Amino acid sequence: MSVIIVTGLLLLGGGLIGFIIYLQLKEQARIDKLRKVAALNNQTRQVRHYLDDLPAQYQPKDMRLWLFSRLLDIFDELQRLSPDEKTRNRRQRVAEELEVFKSSKQKRKAKAISDEMMVINLRRLLDSLSNFLEISVRNKKLDKETFERYSQSIAFNRYKLSSDNKAFVARRAFLSGNLEEAIELYKKALVDLEPIQGMDGCKELEDKLKQMVVEIESDLKLQQEEAARLAEQEDEELTEEWDKFMEDDDGFTKKRTF
């Protein structure tokens, strides 16, 4: 009888331990699921950030399409882990946005890089995107060939950002009539492109900036020549007035002597 009781107690104890382990595993699975859901939600915000805040000139059309498709995939993963009406609605809105983008014939508008803080923030965004692409390759969400192409684009744009900023400020100086300042800024914009010389698209940018320098230098030369001509003309007029004054003064002196 005692053997049966001991055996029963052992079985009961083993069952209790097994049940505790089961509960622990279930809780761990629940925690893992919550972590995955949180990570996926974070990814949706991250990709949305790239889509919304990265200006069109630094986001090629095919990269934007890939980001849209990646966002849809993330929502699909969320739905598999934790089906939710809100997630379905968010995915639907992204799918509609993607279709509008695909069908649109309107050229995307470039954004002016008007200050240094924008350069810093956008450079950080490009660095974040570069890291996201690396993770996507490791997770087989992006092929290596496309990754290399996107990485080159990001590397190019990190330097173009600073050049674009100086070109914007240079144009503002030109429109304000500060030609010498504009020339200096356009030349600095050219210097910013030196690290990416030889990359696709760089020569076109350099030629455009050089042309601006040549045109403004020509305008500045004409201004200086005109200023010199006016100064010379003013000197001549002052000399003529002085000569006339002296002639009048001489006549007045003669009359007084008479």
C-alpha atoms as a PDB file:
ATOM      1  CA  MET A   1       0.000   0.000   0.000  1.00  0.00           C
ATOM      2  CA  SER A   2       2.811   2.368   0.927  1.00  0.00           C
ATOM      3  CA  VAL A   3       4.469   1.685  -2.438  1.00  0.00           C
ATOM      4  CA  ILE A   4       1.279   2.644  -4.247  1.00  0.00           C
ATOM      5  CA  ILE A   5       1.013   5.839  -2.214  1.00  0.00           C
ATOM      6  CA  VAL A   6       4.643   6.753  -2.849  1.00  0.00           C
ATOM      7  CA  THR A   7       4.217   6.036  -6.552  1.00  0.00           C
ATOM      8  CA  GLY A   8       1.072   8.138  -6.638  1.00  0.00           C
ATOM      9  CA  LEU A   9       2.816  10.987  -4.865  1.00  0.00           C
ATOM     10  CA  LEU A  10       5.716  10.793  -7.290  1.00  0.00           C
ATOM     11  CA  LEU A  11       3.371  10.855 -10.242  1.00  0.00           C
ATOM     12  CA  LEU A  12       1.459  13.728  -8.716  1.00  0.00           C
ATOM     13  CA  GLY A  13       4.692  15.594  -8.020  1.00  0.00           C
ATOM     14  CA  GLY A  14       5.939  14.896 -11.530  1.00  0.00           C
ATOM     15  CA  GLY A  15       2.654  16.067 -12.981  1.00  0.00           C
ATOM     16  CA  LEU A  16       2.770  19.211 -10.869  1.00  0.00           C
ATOM     17  CA  ILE A  17       6.319  19.950 -11.963  1.00  0.00           C
ATOM     18  CA  GLY A  18       5.354  19.306 -15.565  1.00  0.00           C
ATOM     19  CA  PHE A  19       2.378  21.621 -15.215  1.00  0.00           C
ATOM     20  CA  ILE A  20       4.599  24.342 -13.718  1.00  0.00           C
ATOM     21  CA  ILE A  21       7.078  23.924 -16.571  1.00  0.00           C
ATOM     22  CA  TYR A  22       4.199  24.100 -19.047  1.00  0.00           C
ATOM     23  CA  LEU A  23       2.972  27.338 -17.462  1.00  0.00           C
ATOM     24  CA  GLN A  24       6.499  28.763 -17.546  1.00  0.00           C
ATOM     25  CA  LEU A  25       6.930  27.839 -21.204  1.00  0.00           C
ATOM     26  CA  LYS A  26       3.530  29.283 -22.010  1.00  0.00           C
ATOM     27  CA  GLU A  27       4.396  32.518 -20.214  1.00  0.00           C
ATOM     28  CA  GLN A  28       7.761  32.657 -21.962  1.00  0.00           C
ATOM     29  CA  ALA A  29       6.030  32.160 -25.324  1.00  0.00           C
ATOM     30  CA  ARG A  30       3.607  34.959 -24.427  1.00  0.00           C
ATOM     31  CA  ILE A  31       6.497  37.266 -23.510  1.00  0.00           C
ATOM     32  CA  ASP A  32       8.380  36.356 -26.709  1.00  0.00           C
ATOM     33  CA  LYS A  33       5.252  37.077 -28.717  1.00  0.00           C
ATOM     34  CA  LEU A  34       4.836  40.481 -27.053  1.00  0.00           C
ATOM     35  CA  ARG A  35       8.474  41.283 -27.767  1.00  0.00           C
ATOM     36  CA  LYS A  36       8.081  40.326 -31.424  1.00  0.00           C
ATOM     37  CA  VAL A  37       4.918  42.416 -31.723  1.00  0.00           C
ATOM     38  CA  ALA A  38       6.658  45.376 -30.091  1.00  0.00           C
ATOM     39  CA  ALA A  39       9.660  44.970 -32.409  1.00  0.00           C
ATOM     40  CA  LEU A  40       7.417  44.804 -35.481  1.00  0.00           C
ATOM     41  CA  ASN A  41       5.452  47.869 -34.383  1.00  0.00           C
ATOM     42  CA  ASN A  42       8.739  49.674 -33.939  1.00  0.00           C
ATOM     43  CA  GLN A  43       9.717  48.659 -37.476  1.00  0.00           C
ATOM     44  CA  THR A  44       6.464  50.051 -38.878  1.00  0.00           C
ATOM     45  CA  ARG A  45       7.240  53.423 -37.277  1.00  0.00           C
ATOM     46  CA  GLN A  46      10.789  53.227 -38.535  1.00  0.00           C
ATOM     47  CA  VAL A  47       9.821  52.532 -42.161  1.00  0.00           C
ATOM     48  CA  ARG A  48       7.060  55.150 -41.979  1.00  0.00           C
ATOM     49  CA  HIS A  49       9.722  57.615 -40.862  1.00  0.00           C
ATOM     50  CA  TYR A  50      11.813  56.852 -43.953  1.00  0.00           C
ATOM     51  CA  LEU A  51       8.811  57.203 -46.255  1.00  0.00           C
ATOM     52  CA  ASP A  52       7.566  60.461 -44.736  1.00  0.00           C
ATOM     53  CA  ASP A  53      10.731  62.327 -43.794  1.00  0.00           C
ATOM     54  CA  LEU A  54      13.333  61.409 -46.391  1.00  0.00           C
ATOM     55  CA  PRO A  55      13.101  64.013 -49.197  1.00  0.00           C
ATOM     56  CA  ALA A  56      12.336  62.798 -52.703  1.00  0.00           C
ATOM     57  CA  GLN A  57      15.797  63.704 -54.063  1.00  0.00           C
ATOM     58  CA  TYR A  58      17.395  61.229 -51.636  1.00  0.00           C
ATOM     59  CA  GLN A  59      14.855  58.447 -52.101  1.00  0.00           C
ATOM     60  CA  PRO A  60      14.846  56.807 -55.571  1.00  0.00           C
ATOM     61  CA  LYS A  61      11.472  55.580 -56.783  1.00  0.00           C
ATOM     62  CA  ASP A  62      12.392  51.893 -56.605  1.00  0.00           C
ATOM     63  CA  MET A  63      13.672  52.345 -53.036  1.00  0.00           C
ATOM     64  CA  ARG A  64      10.381  53.962 -52.054  1.00  0.00           C
ATOM     65  CA  LEU A  65       8.484  51.079 -53.624  1.00  0.00           C
ATOM     66  CA  TRP A  66      10.586  48.600 -51.665  1.00  0.00           C
ATOM     67  CA  LEU A  67       9.942  50.481 -48.420  1.00  0.00           C
ATOM     68  CA  PHE A  68       6.195  50.349 -49.087  1.00  0.00           C
ATOM     69  CA  SER A  69       6.338  46.615 -49.778  1.00  0.00           C
ATOM     70  CA  ARG A  70       8.472  46.063 -46.687  1.00  0.00           C
ATOM     71  CA  LEU A  71       5.938  47.961 -44.575  1.00  0.00           C
ATOM     72  CA  LEU A  72       3.132  45.781 -45.924  1.00  0.00           C
ATOM     73  CA  ASP A  73       5.126  42.641 -45.088  1.00  0.00           C
ATOM     74  CA  ILE A  74       5.636  43.852 -41.525  1.00  0.00           C
ATOM     75  CA  PHE A  75       1.897  44.423 -41.123  1.00  0.00           C
ATOM     76  CA  ASP A  76       1.309  40.879 -42.435  1.00  0.00           C
ATOM     77  CA  GLU A  77       3.687  39.519 -39.810  1.00  0.00           C
ATOM     78  CA  LEU A  78       1.843  41.489 -37.147  1.00  0.00           C
ATOM     79  CA  GLN A  79      -1.468  40.058 -38.290  1.00  0.00           C
ATOM     80  CA  ARG A  80      -0.152  36.509 -38.092  1.00  0.00           C
ATOM     81  CA  LEU A  81       1.136  37.053 -34.562  1.00  0.00           C
ATOM     82  CA  SER A  82      -1.697  39.185 -33.231  1.00  0.00           C
ATOM     83  CA  PRO A  83      -4.730  39.661 -35.513  1.00  0.00           C
ATOM     84  CA  ASP A  84      -6.156  43.110 -34.958  1.00  0.00           C
ATOM     85  CA  GLU A  85      -8.643  45.379 -36.742  1.00  0.00           C
ATOM     86  CA  LYS A  86      -6.450  48.429 -36.242  1.00  0.00           C
ATOM     87  CA  THR A  87      -3.493  46.680 -37.886  1.00  0.00           C
ATOM     88  CA  ARG A  88      -5.679  45.587 -40.812  1.00  0.00           C
ATOM     89  CA  ASN A  89      -6.832  49.180 -41.322  1.00  0.00           C
ATOM     90  CA  ARG A  90      -3.287  50.509 -41.167  1.00  0.00           C
ATOM     91  CA  ARG A  91      -2.177  47.954 -43.739  1.00  0.00           C
ATOM     92  CA  GLN A  92      -5.092  48.861 -46.002  1.00  0.00           C
ATOM     93  CA  ARG A  93      -4.160  52.539 -45.906  1.00  0.00           C
ATOM     94  CA  VAL A  94      -0.553  51.743 -46.816  1.00  0.00           C
ATOM     95  CA  ALA A  95      -1.697  49.497 -49.683  1.00  0.00           C
ATOM     96  CA  GLU A  96      -3.862  52.347 -51.017  1.00  0.00           C
ATOM     97  CA  GLU A  97      -0.996  54.801 -50.659  1.00  0.00           C
ATOM     98  CA  LEU A  98       1.246  52.428 -52.596  1.00  0.00           C
ATOM     99  CA  GLU A  99      -1.265  52.145 -55.452  1.00  0.00           C
ATOM    100  CA  VAL A 100      -1.597  55.933 -55.648  1.00  0.00           C
ATOM    101  CA  PHE A 101       2.179  56.264 -55.772  1.00  0.00           C
ATOM    102  CA  LYS A 102       2.483  53.624 -58.500  1.00  0.00           C
ATOM    103  CA  SER A 103      -0.170  55.243 -60.680  1.00  0.00           C
ATOM    104  CA  SER A 104       0.933  58.859 -60.158  1.00  0.00           C
ATOM    105  CA  LYS A 105       2.624  60.569 -63.106  1.00  0.00           C
ATOM    106  CA  GLN A 106       3.475  63.658 -61.089  1.00  0.00           C
ATOM    107  CA  LYS A 107       7.151  64.255 -60.420  1.00  0.00           C
ATOM    108  CA  ARG A 108       8.003  64.180 -56.749  1.00  0.00           C
ATOM    109  CA  LYS A 109       9.014  67.590 -55.421  1.00  0.00           C
ATOM    110  CA  ALA A 110      12.518  68.023 -54.045  1.00  0.00           C
ATOM    111  CA  LYS A 111      12.866  69.585 -50.617  1.00  0.00           C
ATOM    112  CA  ALA A 112      15.123  72.574 -50.017  1.00  0.00           C
ATOM    113  CA  ILE A 113      17.936  71.849 -47.549  1.00  0.00           C
ATOM    114  CA  SER A 114      17.811  75.246 -45.901  1.00  0.00           C
ATOM    115  CA  ASP A 115      19.959  74.869 -42.769  1.00  0.00           C
ATOM    116  CA  GLU A 116      22.679  72.816 -41.102  1.00  0.00           C
ATOM    117  CA  MET A 117      20.260  71.188 -38.644  1.00  0.00           C
ATOM    118  CA  MET A 118      18.380  69.625 -41.565  1.00  0.00           C
ATOM    119  CA  VAL A 119      21.675  68.253 -42.872  1.00  0.00           C
ATOM    120  CA  ILE A 120      22.434  66.667 -39.481  1.00  0.00           C
ATOM    121  CA  ASN A 121      18.948  65.169 -39.060  1.00  0.00           C
ATOM    122  CA  LEU A 122      18.754  63.813 -42.609  1.00  0.00           C
ATOM    123  CA  ARG A 123      22.233  62.349 -42.377  1.00  0.00           C
ATOM    124  CA  ARG A 124      21.156  60.501 -39.226  1.00  0.00           C
ATOM    125  CA  LEU A 125      18.076  59.290 -41.072  1.00  0.00           C
ATOM    126  CA  LEU A 126      20.222  57.993 -43.938  1.00  0.00           C
ATOM    127  CA  ASP A 127      22.496  56.212 -41.452  1.00  0.00           C
ATOM    128  CA  SER A 128      19.442  54.623 -39.842  1.00  0.00           C
ATOM    129  CA  LEU A 129      18.162  53.524 -43.252  1.00  0.00           C
ATOM    130  CA  SER A 130      21.561  52.037 -44.075  1.00  0.00           C
ATOM    131  CA  ASN A 131      21.435  49.967 -40.881  1.00  0.00           C
ATOM    132  CA  PHE A 132      17.870  48.891 -41.656  1.00  0.00           C
ATOM    133  CA  LEU A 133      18.967  47.704 -45.101  1.00  0.00           C
ATOM    134  CA  GLU A 134      21.794  45.639 -43.577  1.00  0.00           C
ATOM    135  CA  ILE A 135      19.343  43.957 -41.216  1.00  0.00           C
ATOM    136  CA  SER A 136      16.962  43.313 -44.119  1.00  0.00           C
ATOM    137  CA  VAL A 137      19.727  41.569 -46.081  1.00  0.00           C
ATOM    138  CA  ARG A 138      20.585  39.361 -43.101  1.00  0.00           C
ATOM    139  CA  ASN A 139      16.897  38.480 -42.723  1.00  0.00           C
ATOM    140  CA  LYS A 140      16.646  37.771 -46.470  1.00  0.00           C
ATOM    141  CA  LYS A 141      14.154  40.587 -46.987  1.00  0.00           C
ATOM    142  CA  LEU A 142      16.428  42.285 -49.533  1.00  0.00           C
ATOM    143  CA  ASP A 143      18.805  40.803 -52.097  1.00  0.00           C
ATOM    144  CA  LYS A 144      22.486  41.714 -51.994  1.00  0.00           C
ATOM    145  CA  GLU A 145      22.561  43.323 -55.440  1.00  0.00           C
ATOM    146  CA  THR A 146      19.772  45.766 -54.562  1.00  0.00           C
ATOM    147  CA  PHE A 147      21.377  46.349 -51.179  1.00  0.00           C
ATOM    148  CA  GLU A 148      24.637  47.397 -52.846  1.00  0.00           C
ATOM    149  CA  ARG A 149      22.797  49.793 -55.148  1.00  0.00           C
ATOM    150  CA  TYR A 150      20.849  51.383 -52.312  1.00  0.00           C
ATOM    151  CA  SER A 151      23.991  51.619 -50.176  1.00  0.00           C
ATOM    152  CA  GLN A 152      25.810  53.507 -52.929  1.00  0.00           C
ATOM    153  CA  SER A 153      22.870  55.883 -53.216  1.00  0.00           C
ATOM    154  CA  ILE A 154      22.947  56.539 -49.466  1.00  0.00           C
ATOM    155  CA  ALA A 155      26.721  57.092 -49.474  1.00  0.00           C
ATOM    156  CA  PHE A 156      26.328  59.547 -52.357  1.00  0.00           C
ATOM    157  CA  ASN A 157      23.509  61.449 -50.684  1.00  0.00           C
ATOM    158  CA  ARG A 158      25.329  61.826 -47.355  1.00  0.00           C
ATOM    159  CA  TYR A 159      27.777  64.170 -49.107  1.00  0.00           C
ATOM    160  CA  LYS A 160      25.218  65.659 -51.476  1.00  0.00           C
ATOM    161  CA  LEU A 161      23.214  66.819 -48.455  1.00  0.00           C
ATOM    162  CA  SER A 162      25.899  69.258 -47.357  1.00  0.00           C
ATOM    163  CA  SER A 163      26.491  70.424 -50.920  1.00  0.00           C
ATOM    164  CA  ASP A 164      22.769  70.986 -51.446  1.00  0.00           C
ATOM    165  CA  ASN A 165      22.601  73.056 -48.277  1.00  0.00           C
ATOM    166  CA  LYS A 166      25.450  75.339 -49.353  1.00  0.00           C
ATOM    167  CA  ALA A 167      23.968  75.644 -52.857  1.00  0.00           C
ATOM    168  CA  PHE A 168      20.623  76.695 -51.335  1.00  0.00           C
ATOM    169  CA  VAL A 169      22.261  79.353 -49.137  1.00  0.00           C
ATOM    170  CA  ALA A 170      24.368  80.475 -52.115  1.00  0.00           C
ATOM    171  CA  ARG A 171      21.265  81.014 -54.240  1.00  0.00           C
ATOM    172  CA  ARG A 172      19.650  82.973 -51.417  1.00  0.00           C
ATOM    173  CA  ALA A 173      22.767  85.170 -51.232  1.00  0.00           C
ATOM    174  CA  PHE A 174      22.694  85.649 -55.011  1.00  0.00           C
ATOM    175  CA  LEU A 175      19.033  86.711 -54.975  1.00  0.00           C
ATOM    176  CA  SER A 176      19.872  89.165 -52.172  1.00  0.00           C
ATOM    177  CA  GLY A 177      22.600  90.702 -54.324  1.00  0.00           C
ATOM    178  CA  ASN A 178      25.513  89.310 -52.292  1.00  0.00           C
ATOM    179  CA  LEU A 179      27.399  87.984 -55.310  1.00  0.00           C
ATOM    180  CA  GLU A 180      30.795  87.504 -53.672  1.00  0.00           C
ATOM    181  CA  GLU A 181      29.226  85.479 -50.842  1.00  0.00           C
ATOM    182  CA  ALA A 182      27.250  83.428 -53.371  1.00  0.00           C
ATOM    183  CA  ILE A 183      30.409  82.587 -55.344  1.00  0.00           C
ATOM    184  CA  GLU A 184      32.219  81.508 -52.170  1.00  0.00           C
ATOM    185  CA  LEU A 185      29.318  79.271 -51.092  1.00  0.00           C
ATOM    186  CA  TYR A 186      28.970  77.628 -54.503  1.00  0.00           C
ATOM    187  CA  LYS A 187      32.695  76.849 -54.438  1.00  0.00           C
ATOM    188  CA  LYS A 188      32.284  75.281 -50.972  1.00  0.00           C
ATOM    189  CA  ALA A 189      29.390  73.224 -52.352  1.00  0.00           C
ATOM    190  CA  LEU A 190      31.789  71.913 -54.993  1.00  0.00           C
ATOM    191  CA  VAL A 191      34.353  70.990 -52.317  1.00  0.00           C
ATOM    192  CA  ASP A 192      31.690  68.937 -50.496  1.00  0.00           C
ATOM    193  CA  LEU A 193      31.314  66.778 -53.600  1.00  0.00           C
ATOM    194  CA  GLU A 194      35.007  65.862 -53.810  1.00  0.00           C
ATOM    195  CA  PRO A 195      34.694  62.617 -51.754  1.00  0.00           C
ATOM    196  CA  ILE A 196      32.120  61.233 -54.236  1.00  0.00           C
ATOM    197  CA  GLN A 197      33.815  62.275 -57.469  1.00  0.00           C
ATOM    198  CA  GLY A 198      33.470  59.539 -60.046  1.00  0.00           C
ATOM    199  CA  MET A 199      30.148  58.275 -58.706  1.00  0.00           C
ATOM    200  CA  ASP A 200      27.110  58.380 -60.977  1.00  0.00           C
ATOM    201  CA  GLY A 201      25.453  61.782 -60.941  1.00  0.00           C
ATOM    202  CA  CYS A 202      28.366  63.658 -59.382  1.00  0.00           C
ATOM    203  CA  LYS A 203      29.723  65.187 -62.595  1.00  0.00           C
ATOM    204  CA  GLU A 204      26.312  66.554 -63.490  1.00  0.00           C
ATOM    205  CA  LEU A 205      26.107  68.284 -60.107  1.00  0.00           C
ATOM    206  CA  GLU A 206      29.636  69.631 -60.399  1.00  0.00           C
ATOM    207  CA  ASP A 207      28.990  71.024 -63.875  1.00  0.00           C
ATOM    208  CA  LYS A 208      25.842  72.761 -62.655  1.00  0.00           C
ATOM    209  CA  LEU A 209      27.625  74.349 -59.694  1.00  0.00           C
ATOM    210  CA  LYS A 210      30.597  75.409 -61.819  1.00  0.00           C
ATOM    211  CA  GLN A 211      28.244  77.011 -64.321  1.00  0.00           C
ATOM    212  CA  MET A 212      26.618  78.990 -61.517  1.00  0.00           C
ATOM    213  CA  VAL A 213      30.046  80.212 -60.367  1.00  0.00           C
ATOM    214  CA  VAL A 214      30.969  81.301 -63.907  1.00  0.00           C
ATOM    215  CA  GLU A 215      27.673  83.154 -64.416  1.00  0.00           C
ATOM    216  CA  ILE A 216      27.814  84.951 -61.063  1.00  0.00           C
ATOM    217  CA  GLU A 217      31.478  85.871 -61.537  1.00  0.00           C
ATOM    218  CA  SER A 218      30.503  87.352 -64.912  1.00  0.00           C
ATOM    219  CA  ASP A 219      27.684  89.328 -63.271  1.00  0.00           C
ATOM    220  CA  LEU A 220      30.038  90.496 -60.533  1.00  0.00           C
ATOM    221  CA  LYS A 221      32.595  91.651 -63.106  1.00  0.00           C
ATOM    222  CA  LEU A 222      29.946  93.648 -64.962  1.00  0.00           C
ATOM    223  CA  GLN A 223      28.823  95.222 -61.686  1.00  0.00           C
ATOM    224  CA  GLN A 224      32.369  96.175 -60.796  1.00  0.00           C
ATOM    225  CA  GLU A 225      32.988  97.635 -64.259  1.00  0.00           C
ATOM    226  CA  GLU A 226      29.746  99.603 -64.062  1.00  0.00           C
ATOM    227  CA  ALA A 227      30.642 100.860 -60.594  1.00  0.00           C
ATOM    228  CA  ALA A 228      34.074 101.922 -61.823  1.00  0.00           C
ATOM    229  CA  ARG A 229      32.510 103.698 -64.841  1.00  0.00           C
ATOM    230  CA  LEU A 230      30.027 105.544 -62.650  1.00  0.00           C
ATOM    231  CA  ALA A 231      32.784 106.522 -60.217  1.00  0.00           C
ATOM    232  CA  GLU A 232      34.907 107.823 -63.100  1.00  0.00           C
ATOM    233  CA  GLN A 233      31.922 109.723 -64.499  1.00  0.00           C
ATOM    234  CA  GLU A 234      31.236 111.235 -61.086  1.00  0.00           C
ATOM    235  CA  ASP A 235      34.858 112.319 -60.788  1.00  0.00           C
ATOM    236  CA  GLU A 236      34.671 113.972 -64.218  1.00  0.00           C
ATOM    237  CA  GLU A 237      31.469 115.802 -63.279  1.00  0.00           C
ATOM    238  CA  LEU A 238      33.029 117.019 -60.036  1.00  0.00           C
ATOM    239  CA  THR A 239      36.101 118.226 -61.947  1.00  0.00           C
ATOM    240  CA  GLU A 240      33.924 120.082 -64.446  1.00  0.00           C
ATOM    241  CA  GLU A 241      31.940 121.712 -61.655  1.00  0.00           C
ATOM    242  CA  TRP A 242      35.143 122.754 -59.910  1.00  0.00           C
ATOM    243  CA  ASP A 243      36.596 124.202 -63.118  1.00  0.00           C
ATOM    244  CA  LYS A 244      33.373 126.118 -63.719  1.00  0.00           C
ATOM    245  CA  PHE A 245      33.412 127.396 -60.164  1.00  0.00           C
ATOM    246  CA  MET A 246      36.987 128.567 -60.539  1.00  0.00           C
ATOM    247  CA  GLU A 247      36.147 130.388 -63.787  1.00  0.00           C
ATOM    248  CA  ASP A 248      33.193 132.102 -62.147  1.00  0.00           C
ATOM    249  CA  ASP A 249      35.307 133.010 -59.132  1.00  0.00           C
ATOM    250  CA  ASP A 250      37.991 134.543 -61.397  1.00  0.00           C
ATOM    251  CA  GLY A 251      35.399 136.700 -63.154  1.00  0.00           C
ATOM    252  CA  PHE A 252      33.992 137.858 -59.860  1.00  0.00           C
ATOM    253  CA  THR A 253      37.498 138.802 -58.676  1.00  0.00           C
ATOM    254  CA  LYS A 254      38.144 140.821 -61.840  1.00  0.00           C
ATOM    255  CA  LYS A 255      34.860 142.717 -61.414  1.00  0.00           C
ATOM    256  CA  ARG A 256      35.743 143.601 -57.829  1.00  0.00           C
ATOM    257  CA  THR A 257      39.171 144.864 -58.948  1.00  0.00           C
ATOM    258  CA  PHE A 258      37.581 147.011 -61.641  1.00  0.00           C
END
